[in-house]
Structures are given as C-alpha cells and as structure tokens.
PDB file of N, CA and C in Angstrom:
ATOM      1  N   MET A   1     122.064 137.094 176.445  1.00  0.00           N
ATOM      2  CA  MET A   1     121.887 135.773 175.920  1.00  0.00           C
ATOM      3  C   MET A   1     120.486 135.565 175.338  1.00  0.00           C
ATOM      4  N   SER A   2     119.524 136.037 176.009  1.00  0.00           N
ATOM      5  CA  SER A   2     118.176 135.880 175.525  1.00  0.00           C
ATOM      6  C   SER A   2     117.959 136.648 174.228  1.00  0.00           C
ATOM      7  N   VAL A   3     118.679 137.705 174.065  1.00  0.00           N
ATOM      8  CA  VAL A   3     118.573 138.477 172.849  1.00  0.00           C
ATOM      9  C   VAL A   3     119.130 137.670 171.683  1.00  0.00           C
ATOM     10  N   ALA A   4     120.232 136.963 171.927  1.00  0.00           N
ATOM     11  CA  ALA A   4     120.839 136.175 170.853  1.00  0.00           C
ATOM     12  C   ALA A   4     119.925 135.027 170.452  1.00  0.00           C
ATOM     13  N   ARG A   5     119.317 134.384 171.466  1.00  0.00           N
ATOM     14  CA  ARG A   5     118.404 133.285 171.139  1.00  0.00           C
ATOM     15  C   ARG A   5     117.205 133.802 170.355  1.00  0.00           C
ATOM     16  N   GLY A   6     116.673 134.897 170.776  1.00  0.00           N
ATOM     17  CA  GLY A   6     115.533 135.475 170.083  1.00  0.00           C
ATOM     18  C   GLY A   6     115.889 135.842 168.654  1.00  0.00           C
ATOM     19  N   TYR A   7     117.063 136.356 168.495  1.00  0.00           N
ATOM     20  CA  TYR A   7     117.501 136.745 167.165  1.00  0.00           C
ATOM     21  C   TYR A   7     117.693 135.520 166.289  1.00  0.00           C
ATOM     22  N   ASP A   8     118.313 134.465 166.868  1.00  0.00           N
ATOM     23  CA  ASP A   8     118.509 133.221 166.115  1.00  0.00           C
ATOM     24  C   ASP A   8     117.162 132.618 165.727  1.00  0.00           C
ATOM     25  N   GLY A   9     116.218 132.647 166.623  1.00  0.00           N
ATOM     26  CA  GLY A   9     114.905 132.111 166.324  1.00  0.00           C
ATOM     27  C   GLY A   9     114.214 132.903 165.228  1.00  0.00           C
ATOM     28  N   ARG A  10     114.320 134.225 165.292  1.00  0.00           N
ATOM     29  CA  ARG A  10     113.715 135.050 164.262  1.00  0.00           C
ATOM     30  C   ARG A  10     114.410 134.839 162.920  1.00  0.00           C
ATOM     31  N   GLN A  11     115.706 134.671 162.998  1.00  0.00           N
ATOM     32  CA  GLN A  11     116.453 134.464 161.753  1.00  0.00           C
ATOM     33  C   GLN A  11     116.019 133.160 161.084  1.00  0.00           C
ATOM     34  N   LYS A  12     115.835 132.111 161.879  1.00  0.00           N
ATOM     35  CA  LYS A  12     115.392 130.835 161.319  1.00  0.00           C
ATOM     36  C   LYS A  12     113.996 130.956 160.713  1.00  0.00           C
ATOM     37  N   VAL A  13     113.092 131.623 161.383  1.00  0.00           N
ATOM     38  CA  VAL A  13     111.747 131.824 160.860  1.00  0.00           C
ATOM     39  C   VAL A  13     111.809 132.680 159.598  1.00  0.00           C
ATOM     40  N   PHE A  14     112.637 133.677 159.641  1.00  0.00           N
ATOM     41  CA  PHE A  14     112.787 134.563 158.492  1.00  0.00           C
ATOM     42  C   PHE A  14     113.345 133.814 157.285  1.00  0.00           C
ATOM     43  N   LEU A  15     114.297 132.909 157.514  1.00  0.00           N
ATOM     44  CA  LEU A  15     114.900 132.157 156.412  1.00  0.00           C
ATOM     45  C   LEU A  15     113.968 131.072 155.881  1.00  0.00           C
ATOM     46  N   ARG A  16     113.126 130.547 156.744  1.00  0.00           N
ATOM     47  CA  ARG A  16     112.205 129.505 156.296  1.00  0.00           C
ATOM     48  C   ARG A  16     111.182 130.055 155.311  1.00  0.00           C
ATOM     49  N   GLY A  17     110.684 131.191 155.513  1.00  0.00           N
ATOM     50  CA  GLY A  17     109.638 131.772 154.687  1.00  0.00           C
ATOM     51  C   GLY A  17     110.053 131.953 153.234  1.00  0.00           C
ATOM     52  N   PRO A  18     111.150 132.608 152.929  1.00  0.00           N
ATOM     53  CA  PRO A  18     111.545 132.796 151.534  1.00  0.00           C
ATOM     54  C   PRO A  18     111.853 131.491 150.817  1.00  0.00           C
ATOM     55  N   HIS A  19     112.387 130.515 151.538  1.00  0.00           N
ATOM     56  CA  HIS A  19     112.672 129.235 150.881  1.00  0.00           C
ATOM     57  C   HIS A  19     111.381 128.549 150.439  1.00  0.00           C
ATOM     58  N   LYS A  20     110.378 128.618 151.262  1.00  0.00           N
ATOM     59  CA  LYS A  20     109.088 128.044 150.872  1.00  0.00           C
ATOM     60  C   LYS A  20     108.504 128.803 149.696  1.00  0.00           C
ATOM     61  N   LYS A  21     108.646 130.117 149.728  1.00  0.00           N
ATOM     62  CA  LYS A  21     108.136 130.922 148.620  1.00  0.00           C
ATOM     63  C   LYS A  21     108.912 130.615 147.350  1.00  0.00           C
ATOM     64  N   ARG A  22     110.213 130.436 147.479  1.00  0.00           N
ATOM     65  CA  ARG A  22     111.027 130.099 146.303  1.00  0.00           C
ATOM     66  C   ARG A  22     110.618 128.739 145.739  1.00  0.00           C
ATOM     67  N   ARG A  23     110.433 127.764 146.630  1.00  0.00           N
ATOM     68  CA  ARG A  23     110.008 126.436 146.165  1.00  0.00           C
ATOM     69  C   ARG A  23     108.656 126.512 145.470  1.00  0.00           C
ATOM     70  N   LEU A  24     107.736 127.231 146.074  1.00  0.00           N
ATOM     71  CA  LEU A  24     106.416 127.385 145.479  1.00  0.00           C
ATOM     72  C   LEU A  24     106.518 128.106 144.140  1.00  0.00           C
ATOM     73  N   GLY A  25     107.350 129.119 144.067  1.00  0.00           N
ATOM     74  CA  GLY A  25     107.550 129.847 142.815  1.00  0.00           C
ATOM     75  C   GLY A  25     108.152 128.954 141.743  1.00  0.00           C
ATOM     76  N   ARG A  26     109.136 128.163 142.132  1.00  0.00           N
ATOM     77  CA  ARG A  26     109.748 127.231 141.171  1.00  0.00           C
ATOM     78  C   ARG A  26     108.742 126.187 140.706  1.00  0.00           C
ATOM     79  N   LEU A  27     107.969 125.675 141.650  1.00  0.00           N
ATOM     80  CA  LEU A  27     106.957 124.677 141.307  1.00  0.00           C
ATOM     81  C   LEU A  27     105.930 125.260 140.337  1.00  0.00           C
ATOM     82  N   LEU A  28     105.478 126.468 140.623  1.00  0.00           N
ATOM     83  CA  LEU A  28     104.517 127.103 139.719  1.00  0.00           C
ATOM     84  C   LEU A  28     105.139 127.381 138.362  1.00  0.00           C
ATOM     85  N   LEU A  29     106.393 127.780 138.346  1.00  0.00           N
ATOM     86  CA  LEU A  29     107.089 128.029 137.086  1.00  0.00           C
ATOM     87  C   LEU A  29     107.218 126.738 136.272  1.00  0.00           C
ATOM     88  N   ILE A  30     107.572 125.639 136.930  1.00  0.00           N
ATOM     89  CA  ILE A  30     107.707 124.343 136.242  1.00  0.00           C
ATOM     90  C   ILE A  30     106.344 123.876 135.732  1.00  0.00           C
ATOM     91  N   LEU A  31     105.313 124.004 136.573  1.00  0.00           N
ATOM     92  CA  LEU A  31     103.972 123.599 136.136  1.00  0.00           C
ATOM     93  C   LEU A  31     103.497 124.459 134.969  1.00  0.00           C
ATOM     94  N   GLY A  32     103.772 125.740 135.019  1.00  0.00           N
ATOM     95  CA  GLY A  32     103.402 126.614 133.907  1.00  0.00           C
ATOM     96  C   GLY A  32     104.128 126.229 132.631  1.00  0.00           C
ATOM     97  N   PHE A  33     105.410 125.933 132.749  1.00  0.00           N
ATOM     98  CA  PHE A  33     106.197 125.500 131.584  1.00  0.00           C
ATOM     99  C   PHE A  33     105.655 124.193 131.013  1.00  0.00           C
ATOM    100  N   LEU A  34     105.334 123.240 131.884  1.00  0.00           N
ATOM    101  CA  LEU A  34     104.780 121.965 131.424  1.00  0.00           C
ATOM    102  C   LEU A  34     103.422 122.165 130.752  1.00  0.00           C
ATOM    103  N   PHE A  35     102.612 123.050 131.280  1.00  0.00           N
ATOM    104  CA  PHE A  35     101.313 123.333 130.675  1.00  0.00           C
ATOM    105  C   PHE A  35     101.489 123.940 129.282  1.00  0.00           C
ATOM    106  N   ILE A  36     102.395 124.887 129.169  1.00  0.00           N
ATOM    107  CA  ILE A  36     102.658 125.513 127.866  1.00  0.00           C
ATOM    108  C   ILE A  36     103.188 124.472 126.875  1.00  0.00           C
ATOM    109  N   CYS A  37     104.075 123.607 127.337  1.00  0.00           N
ATOM    110  CA  CYS A  37     104.586 122.538 126.460  1.00  0.00           C
ATOM    111  C   CYS A  37     103.452 121.627 126.003  1.00  0.00           C
ATOM    112  N   TYR A  38     102.555 121.275 126.916  1.00  0.00           N
ATOM    113  CA  TYR A  38     101.431 120.425 126.543  1.00  0.00           C
ATOM    114  C   TYR A  38     100.550 121.114 125.512  1.00  0.00           C
ATOM    115  N   VAL A  39     100.253 122.383 125.738  1.00  0.00           N
ATOM    116  CA  VAL A  39      99.373 123.112 124.821  1.00  0.00           C
ATOM    117  C   VAL A  39     100.006 123.200 123.436  1.00  0.00           C
ATOM    118  N   TYR A  40     101.282 123.531 123.365  1.00  0.00           N
ATOM    119  CA  TYR A  40     101.926 123.726 122.068  1.00  0.00           C
ATOM    120  C   TYR A  40     102.344 122.433 121.400  1.00  0.00           C
ATOM    121  N   LEU A  41     102.551 121.381 122.174  1.00  0.00           N
ATOM    122  CA  LEU A  41     102.978 120.114 121.573  1.00  0.00           C
ATOM    123  C   LEU A  41     101.862 119.094 121.489  1.00  0.00           C
ATOM    124  N   GLY A  42     101.115 118.908 122.561  1.00  0.00           N
ATOM    125  CA  GLY A  42     100.207 117.778 122.590  1.00  0.00           C
ATOM    126  C   GLY A  42      98.744 118.093 122.627  1.00  0.00           C
ATOM    127  N   GLY A  43      98.347 119.326 122.660  1.00  0.00           N
ATOM    128  CA  GLY A  43      96.932 119.660 122.744  1.00  0.00           C
ATOM    129  C   GLY A  43      96.212 119.415 121.427  1.00  0.00           C
ATOM    130  N   ASP A  44      94.946 119.804 121.386  1.00  0.00           N
ATOM    131  CA  ASP A  44      94.151 119.631 120.169  1.00  0.00           C
ATOM    132  C   ASP A  44      94.720 120.412 118.998  1.00  0.00           C
ATOM    133  N   TYR A  45      95.368 121.523 119.280  1.00  0.00           N
ATOM    134  CA  TYR A  45      95.965 122.346 118.236  1.00  0.00           C
ATOM    135  C   TYR A  45      97.483 122.369 118.369  1.00  0.00           C
ATOM    136  N   GLY A  46      98.055 121.326 118.948  1.00  0.00           N
ATOM    137  CA  GLY A  46      99.488 121.255 119.171  1.00  0.00           C
ATOM    138  C   GLY A  46     100.249 120.864 117.914  1.00  0.00           C
ATOM    139  N   LEU A  47     101.552 121.005 118.002  1.00  0.00           N
ATOM    140  CA  LEU A  47     102.405 120.725 116.851  1.00  0.00           C
ATOM    141  C   LEU A  47     102.321 119.272 116.409  1.00  0.00           C
ATOM    142  N   LEU A  48     102.260 118.357 117.365  1.00  0.00           N
ATOM    143  CA  LEU A  48     102.181 116.941 116.992  1.00  0.00           C
ATOM    144  C   LEU A  48     100.908 116.649 116.213  1.00  0.00           C
ATOM    145  N   LYS A  49      99.816 117.231 116.635  1.00  0.00           N
ATOM    146  CA  LYS A  49      98.537 117.034 115.940  1.00  0.00           C
ATOM    147  C   LYS A  49      98.597 117.659 114.538  1.00  0.00           C
ATOM    148  N   ILE A  50      99.208 118.841 114.444  1.00  0.00           N
ATOM    149  CA  ILE A  50      99.311 119.514 113.150  1.00  0.00           C
ATOM    150  C   ILE A  50     100.179 118.699 112.202  1.00  0.00           C
ATOM    151  N   TRP A  51     101.308 118.179 112.684  1.00  0.00           N
ATOM    152  CA  TRP A  51     102.172 117.357 111.824  1.00  0.00           C
ATOM    153  C   TRP A  51     101.443 116.105 111.367  1.00  0.00           C
ATOM    154  N   SER A  52     100.705 115.487 112.265  1.00  0.00           N
ATOM    155  CA  SER A  52      99.946 114.288 111.912  1.00  0.00           C
ATOM    156  C   SER A  52      98.899 114.612 110.844  1.00  0.00           C
ATOM    157  N   GLN A  53      98.221 115.726 110.990  1.00  0.00           N
ATOM    158  CA  GLN A  53      97.203 116.102 110.011  1.00  0.00           C
ATOM    159  C   GLN A  53      97.818 116.471 108.674  1.00  0.00           C
ATOM    160  N   ARG A  54      98.980 117.106 108.677  1.00  0.00           N
ATOM    161  CA  ARG A  54      99.652 117.415 107.414  1.00  0.00           C
ATOM    162  C   ARG A  54     100.063 116.145 106.683  1.00  0.00           C
ATOM    163  N   ARG A  55     100.558 115.156 107.437  1.00  0.00           N
ATOM    164  CA  ARG A  55     100.914 113.872 106.823  1.00  0.00           C
ATOM    165  C   ARG A  55      99.673 113.207 106.238  1.00  0.00           C
ATOM    166  N   GLN A  56      98.573 113.280 106.965  1.00  0.00           N
ATOM    167  CA  GLN A  56      97.322 112.691 106.485  1.00  0.00           C
ATOM    168  C   GLN A  56      96.830 113.420 105.234  1.00  0.00           C
ATOM    169  N   ILE A  57      96.965 114.743 105.197  1.00  0.00           N
ATOM    170  CA  ILE A  57      96.564 115.507 104.013  1.00  0.00           C
ATOM    171  C   ILE A  57      97.399 115.095 102.813  1.00  0.00           C
ATOM    172  N   LYS A  58      98.707 114.911 103.029  1.00  0.00           N
ATOM    173  CA  LYS A  58      99.593 114.495 101.940  1.00  0.00           C
ATOM    174  C   LYS A  58      99.175 113.129 101.393  1.00  0.00           C
ATOM    175  N   GLU A  59      98.871 112.191 102.294  1.00  0.00           N
ATOM    176  CA  GLU A  59      98.436 110.855 101.873  1.00  0.00           C
ATOM    177  C   GLU A  59      97.112 110.931 101.113  1.00  0.00           C
ATOM    178  N   LEU A  60      96.191 111.764 101.584  1.00  0.00           N
ATOM    179  CA  LEU A  60      94.896 111.893 100.914  1.00  0.00           C
ATOM    180  C   LEU A  60      95.043 112.527  99.528  1.00  0.00           C
ATOM    181  N   ARG A  61      95.961 113.488  99.390  1.00  0.00           N
ATOM    182  CA  ARG A  61      96.203 114.080  98.070  1.00  0.00           C
ATOM    183  C   ARG A  61      96.765 113.052  97.104  1.00  0.00           C
ATOM    184  N   GLN A  62      97.667 112.197  97.590  1.00  0.00           N
ATOM    185  CA  GLN A  62      98.202 111.135  96.734  1.00  0.00           C
ATOM    186  C   GLN A  62      97.087 110.179  96.320  1.00  0.00           C
ATOM    187  N   GLU A  63      96.204 109.862  97.247  1.00  0.00           N
ATOM    188  CA  GLU A  63      95.070 108.985  96.941  1.00  0.00           C
ATOM    189  C   GLU A  63      94.154 109.640  95.914  1.00  0.00           C
ATOM    190  N   ILE A  64      93.938 110.941  96.041  1.00  0.00           N
ATOM    191  CA  ILE A  64      93.100 111.666  95.077  1.00  0.00           C
ATOM    192  C   ILE A  64      93.717 111.608  93.691  1.00  0.00           C
ATOM    193  N   HIS A  65      95.044 111.824  93.597  1.00  0.00           N
ATOM    194  CA  HIS A  65      95.720 111.765  92.295  1.00  0.00           C
ATOM    195  C   HIS A  65      95.609 110.366  91.686  1.00  0.00           C
ATOM    196  N   ARG A  66      95.760 109.340  92.521  1.00  0.00           N
ATOM    197  CA  ARG A  66      95.646 107.966  92.028  1.00  0.00           C
ATOM    198  C   ARG A  66      94.236 107.689  91.512  1.00  0.00           C
ATOM    199  N   LEU A  67      93.243 108.157  92.266  1.00  0.00           N
ATOM    200  CA  LEU A  67      91.851 107.934  91.854  1.00  0.00           C
ATOM    201  C   LEU A  67      91.499 108.719  90.595  1.00  0.00           C
ATOM    202  N   HIS A  68      92.067 109.911  90.433  1.00  0.00           N
ATOM    203  CA  HIS A  68      91.832 110.676  89.193  1.00  0.00           C
ATOM    204  C   HIS A  68      92.423 109.943  87.989  1.00  0.00           C
ATOM    205  N   ALA A  69      93.623 109.389  88.169  1.00  0.00           N
ATOM    206  CA  ALA A  69      94.237 108.638  87.076  1.00  0.00           C
ATOM    207  C   ALA A  69      93.392 107.412  86.736  1.00  0.00           C
ATOM    208  N   GLU A  70      92.910 106.725  87.758  1.00  0.00           N
ATOM    209  CA  GLU A  70      92.057 105.547  87.530  1.00  0.00           C
ATOM    210  C   GLU A  70      90.753 105.953  86.842  1.00  0.00           C
ATOM    211  N   GLN A  71      90.199 107.087  87.242  1.00  0.00           N
ATOM    212  CA  GLN A  71      88.970 107.587  86.625  1.00  0.00           C
ATOM    213  C   GLN A  71      89.195 107.899  85.150  1.00  0.00           C
ATOM    214  N   MET A  72      90.322 108.512  84.826  1.00  0.00           N
ATOM    215  CA  MET A  72      90.623 108.826  83.424  1.00  0.00           C
ATOM    216  C   MET A  72      90.761 107.544  82.605  1.00  0.00           C
ATOM    217  N   ASP A  73      91.407 106.521  83.178  1.00  0.00           N
ATOM    218  CA  ASP A  73      91.530 105.239  82.477  1.00  0.00           C
ATOM    219  C   ASP A  73      90.154 104.620  82.227  1.00  0.00           C
ATOM    220  N   LEU A  74      89.296 104.679  83.227  1.00  0.00           N
ATOM    221  CA  LEU A  74      87.958 104.102  83.074  1.00  0.00           C
ATOM    222  C   LEU A  74      87.125 104.877  82.055  1.00  0.00           C
ATOM    223  N   LYS A  75      87.272 106.209  82.031  1.00  0.00           N
ATOM    224  CA  LYS A  75      86.552 106.995  81.022  1.00  0.00           C
ATOM    225  C   LYS A  75      87.042 106.653  79.618  1.00  0.00           C
ATOM    226  N   GLU A  76      88.359 106.468  79.497  1.00  0.00           N
ATOM    227  CA  GLU A  76      88.918 106.110  78.194  1.00  0.00           C
ATOM    228  C   GLU A  76      88.411 104.741  77.752  1.00  0.00           C
ATOM    229  N   GLU A  77      88.374 103.800  78.677  1.00  0.00           N
ATOM    230  CA  GLU A  77      87.876 102.471  78.329  1.00  0.00           C
ATOM    231  C   GLU A  77      86.385 102.528  77.982  1.00  0.00           C
ATOM    232  N   CYS A  78      85.628 103.314  78.719  1.00  0.00           N
ATOM    233  CA  CYS A  78      84.196 103.468  78.426  1.00  0.00           C
ATOM    234  C   CYS A  78      83.993 104.055  77.034  1.00  0.00           C
ATOM    235  N   ASN A  79      84.811 105.040  76.702  1.00  0.00           N
ATOM    236  CA  ASN A  79      84.726 105.651  75.382  1.00  0.00           C
ATOM    237  C   ASN A  79      85.056 104.634  74.290  1.00  0.00           C
ATOM    238  N   LYS A  80      86.080 103.799  74.529  1.00  0.00           N
ATOM    239  CA  LYS A  80      86.437 102.759  73.551  1.00  0.00           C
ATOM    240  C   LYS A  80      85.303 101.757  73.393  1.00  0.00           C
ATOM    241  N   LEU A  81      84.682 101.377  74.509  1.00  0.00           N
ATOM    242  CA  LEU A  81      83.597 100.402  74.437  1.00  0.00           C
ATOM    243  C   LEU A  81      82.397 100.961  73.671  1.00  0.00           C
ATOM    244  N   GLU A  82      82.165 102.263  73.763  1.00  0.00           N
ATOM    245  CA  GLU A  82      81.035 102.864  73.074  1.00  0.00           C
ATOM    246  C   GLU A  82      81.306 103.105  71.591  1.00  0.00           C
ATOM    247  N   THR A  83      82.562 103.368  71.229  1.00  0.00           N
ATOM    248  CA  THR A  83      82.851 103.770  69.847  1.00  0.00           C
ATOM    249  C   THR A  83      83.596 102.723  69.039  1.00  0.00           C
ATOM    250  N   ASP A  84      84.430 101.918  69.649  1.00  0.00           N
ATOM    251  CA  ASP A  84      85.293 100.977  68.927  1.00  0.00           C
ATOM    252  C   ASP A  84      84.709  99.570  69.022  1.00  0.00           C
ATOM    253  N   SER A  85      84.114  99.100  67.946  1.00  0.00           N
ATOM    254  CA  SER A  85      83.463  97.779  67.974  1.00  0.00           C
ATOM    255  C   SER A  85      84.486  96.650  68.061  1.00  0.00           C
ATOM    256  N   SER A  86      85.670  96.812  67.472  1.00  0.00           N
ATOM    257  CA  SER A  86      86.674  95.748  67.554  1.00  0.00           C
ATOM    258  C   SER A  86      87.185  95.593  68.990  1.00  0.00           C
ATOM    259  N   TYR A  87      87.324  96.701  69.709  1.00  0.00           N
ATOM    260  CA  TYR A  87      87.748  96.635  71.112  1.00  0.00           C
ATOM    261  C   TYR A  87      86.665  95.976  71.956  1.00  0.00           C
ATOM    262  N   LEU A  88      85.413  96.311  71.684  1.00  0.00           N
ATOM    263  CA  LEU A  88      84.299  95.708  72.401  1.00  0.00           C
ATOM    264  C   LEU A  88      84.259  94.204  72.158  1.00  0.00           C
ATOM    265  N   GLU A  89      84.431  93.797  70.897  1.00  0.00           N
ATOM    266  CA  GLU A  89      84.434  92.373  70.568  1.00  0.00           C
ATOM    267  C   GLU A  89      85.569  91.656  71.284  1.00  0.00           C
ATOM    268  N   LYS A  90      86.744  92.261  71.283  1.00  0.00           N
ATOM    269  CA  LYS A  90      87.908  91.661  71.949  1.00  0.00           C
ATOM    270  C   LYS A  90      87.630  91.457  73.435  1.00  0.00           C
ATOM    271  N   ARG A  91      87.068  92.470  74.097  1.00  0.00           N
ATOM    272  CA  ARG A  91      86.775  92.369  75.529  1.00  0.00           C
ATOM    273  C   ARG A  91      85.730  91.300  75.817  1.00  0.00           C
ATOM    274  N   VAL A  92      84.707  91.219  74.986  1.00  0.00           N
ATOM    275  CA  VAL A  92      83.654  90.221  75.190  1.00  0.00           C
ATOM    276  C   VAL A  92      84.214  88.823  74.988  1.00  0.00           C
ATOM    277  N   ARG A  93      85.008  88.658  73.965  1.00  0.00           N
ATOM    278  CA  ARG A  93      85.557  87.336  73.684  1.00  0.00           C
ATOM    279  C   ARG A  93      86.517  86.896  74.788  1.00  0.00           C
ATOM    280  N   GLU A  94      87.325  87.826  75.295  1.00  0.00           N
ATOM    281  CA  GLU A  94      88.241  87.469  76.371  1.00  0.00           C
ATOM    282  C   GLU A  94      87.489  87.192  77.672  1.00  0.00           C
ATOM    283  N   GLY A  95      86.510  88.018  77.967  1.00  0.00           N
ATOM    284  CA  GLY A  95      85.782  87.883  79.230  1.00  0.00           C
ATOM    285  C   GLY A  95      84.885  86.667  79.281  1.00  0.00           C
ATOM    286  N   LEU A  96      84.202  86.380  78.186  1.00  0.00           N
ATOM    287  CA  LEU A  96      83.249  85.271  78.188  1.00  0.00           C
ATOM    288  C   LEU A  96      83.809  84.004  77.556  1.00  0.00           C
ATOM    289  N   GLY A  97      84.972  84.089  76.961  1.00  0.00           N
ATOM    290  CA  GLY A  97      85.572  82.909  76.328  1.00  0.00           C
ATOM    291  C   GLY A  97      84.838  82.501  75.069  1.00  0.00           C
ATOM    292  N   MET A  98      84.298  83.441  74.339  1.00  0.00           N
ATOM    293  CA  MET A  98      83.555  83.133  73.112  1.00  0.00           C
ATOM    294  C   MET A  98      84.520  82.933  71.947  1.00  0.00           C
ATOM    295  N   VAL A  99      84.096  82.084  71.004  1.00  0.00           N
ATOM    296  CA  VAL A  99      84.923  81.747  69.845  1.00  0.00           C
ATOM    297  C   VAL A  99      84.082  81.926  68.591  1.00  0.00           C
ATOM    298  N   ARG A 100      84.690  82.447  67.541  1.00  0.00           N
ATOM    299  CA  ARG A 100      84.000  82.568  66.257  1.00  0.00           C
ATOM    300  C   ARG A 100      83.951  81.208  65.582  1.00  0.00           C
ATOM    301  N   GLU A 101      83.072  81.109  64.607  1.00  0.00           N
ATOM    302  CA  GLU A 101      83.005  79.866  63.846  1.00  0.00           C
ATOM    303  C   GLU A 101      84.300  79.699  63.060  1.00  0.00           C
ATOM    304  N   GLY A 102      84.808  78.480  63.072  1.00  0.00           N
ATOM    305  CA  GLY A 102      86.017  78.175  62.324  1.00  0.00           C
ATOM    306  C   GLY A 102      87.299  78.441  63.104  1.00  0.00           C
ATOM    307  N   GLU A 103      87.220  79.045  64.258  1.00  0.00           N
ATOM    308  CA  GLU A 103      88.425  79.286  65.058  1.00  0.00           C
ATOM    309  C   GLU A 103      88.743  78.054  65.886  1.00  0.00           C
ATOM    310  N   LYS A 104      90.004  77.852  66.097  1.00  0.00           N
ATOM    311  CA  LYS A 104      90.440  76.761  66.961  1.00  0.00           C
ATOM    312  C   LYS A 104      90.986  77.363  68.246  1.00  0.00           C
ATOM    313  N   VAL A 105      90.635  76.728  69.345  1.00  0.00           N
ATOM    314  CA  VAL A 105      91.078  77.199  70.648  1.00  0.00           C
ATOM    315  C   VAL A 105      92.077  76.195  71.200  1.00  0.00           C
ATOM    316  N   TYR A 106      93.205  76.687  71.585  1.00  0.00           N
ATOM    317  CA  TYR A 106      94.229  75.843  72.185  1.00  0.00           C
ATOM    318  C   TYR A 106      94.305  76.186  73.670  1.00  0.00           C
ATOM    319  N   GLN A 107      94.162  75.160  74.484  1.00  0.00           N
ATOM    320  CA  GLN A 107      94.286  75.350  75.923  1.00  0.00           C
ATOM    321  C   GLN A 107      95.494  74.554  76.387  1.00  0.00           C
ATOM    322  N   PHE A 108      96.350  75.211  77.086  1.00  0.00           N
ATOM    323  CA  PHE A 108      97.545  74.561  77.602  1.00  0.00           C
ATOM    324  C   PHE A 108      97.333  74.226  79.065  1.00  0.00           C
ATOM    325  N   VAL A 109      97.526  72.962  79.378  1.00  0.00           N
ATOM    326  CA  VAL A 109      97.362  72.489  80.739  1.00  0.00           C
ATOM    327  C   VAL A 109      98.731  72.528  81.407  1.00  0.00           C
ATOM    328  N   PRO A 110      98.836  73.178  82.543  1.00  0.00           N
ATOM    329  CA  PRO A 110     100.140  73.225  83.216  1.00  0.00           C
ATOM    330  C   PRO A 110     100.528  71.835  83.706  1.00  0.00           C
ATOM    331  N   GLN A 111     101.821  71.557  83.632  1.00  0.00           N
ATOM    332  CA  GLN A 111     102.306  70.259  84.086  1.00  0.00           C
ATOM    333  C   GLN A 111     102.280  70.229  85.603  1.00  0.00           C
ATOM    334  N   SER A 112     101.956  69.059  86.144  1.00  0.00           N
ATOM    335  CA  SER A 112     101.938  68.924  87.590  1.00  0.00           C
ATOM    336  C   SER A 112     103.365  68.797  88.105  1.00  0.00           C
ATOM    337  N   ASP A 113     103.572  69.143  89.352  1.00  0.00           N
ATOM    338  CA  ASP A 113     104.896  69.085  89.947  1.00  0.00           C
ATOM    339  C   ASP A 113     105.390  67.649  90.135  1.00  0.00           C
ATOM    340  N   SER A 114     104.453  66.755  90.385  1.00  0.00           N
ATOM    341  CA  SER A 114     104.853  65.349  90.592  1.00  0.00           C
ATOM    342  C   SER A 114     104.995  64.679  89.229  1.00  0.00           C
ATOM    343  N   THR A 115     106.056  63.986  89.027  1.00  0.00           N
ATOM    344  CA  THR A 115     106.313  63.297  87.750  1.00  0.00           C
ATOM    345  C   THR A 115     105.678  61.928  87.730  1.00  0.00           C
ATOM    346  N   GLY A 116     105.100  61.529  88.809  1.00  0.00           N
ATOM    347  CA  GLY A 116     104.522  60.180  88.927  1.00  0.00           C
ATOM    348  C   GLY A 116     103.152  60.078  88.319  1.00  0.00           C
ATOM    349  N   GLU A 117     102.155  59.962  89.146  1.00  0.00           N
ATOM    350  CA  GLU A 117     100.782  59.691  88.705  1.00  0.00           C
ATOM    351  C   GLU A 117     100.082  60.943  88.205  1.00  0.00           C
ATOM    352  N   ARG A 118      99.192  60.724  87.225  1.00  0.00           N
ATOM    353  CA  ARG A 118      98.308  61.790  86.737  1.00  0.00           C
ATOM    354  C   ARG A 118      96.894  61.455  87.150  1.00  0.00           C
ATOM    355  N   ILE A 119      96.185  62.438  87.551  1.00  0.00           N
ATOM    356  CA  ILE A 119      94.792  62.201  87.968  1.00  0.00           C
ATOM    357  C   ILE A 119      93.871  62.570  86.849  1.00  0.00           C
TER     358      ILE A 119
END
C-alpha cells in the first residue's frame, strides 16, 4: 500500500512539472508572437508607419505638382506684365479702378432683399 501511495504522489509531482513547463512555453511563445507583431506592424519601422508615410509622400507629391503649376502661371503672368503693355494696363485699371479720359463707368447697385424701405 505504501508503494502505491508513493507512486501516486510521484506521479502527481511528475505530471505537475511538465504542465507548468508547457504553460510557460506557451506563454513565452504568445509573448514572442505579440512582440513580433508589434515590431512588424506598430513599431517605428512597422507596416502601419510605412503605409502612413507612403500616403504622406503621395499627398506631398500632389502638393508639389500643384505648386509647380501655380509657379508656371505666375511666371507667365510676370512675363506678360514685363512685355505686354496692354495686359499691364488692363491689370492696373482693374486693380486700382482707374478710368481713361472720356470713358464712362457704370456701377450696378444690387437690389436689396426687402422691397420696403431704402436706406
């Protein structure tokens, strides 16, 4: 009888050890997997950061193209202002509201929404 009890006790101790090792192994495996996921997805060089930076690069390239087009328009206008006197006169007259002698200026006053009193 004592042999059976001793054997049962040893068997229980023997079975407890591998289960703890298995749990620890599983825990380490899960933690390692989570660490790898963090590094590849969320770290400084992770996929999410790379996708975000690629989107930002795309937006910046579009902004660069828009600014180049605006720059070309401004260079063209600058060239017109330097070489085309009629264009320069037109811009000055529109911007400053200047009128030549003998010209008549018509100003249209928008109608007010109220049909009653005029101020």
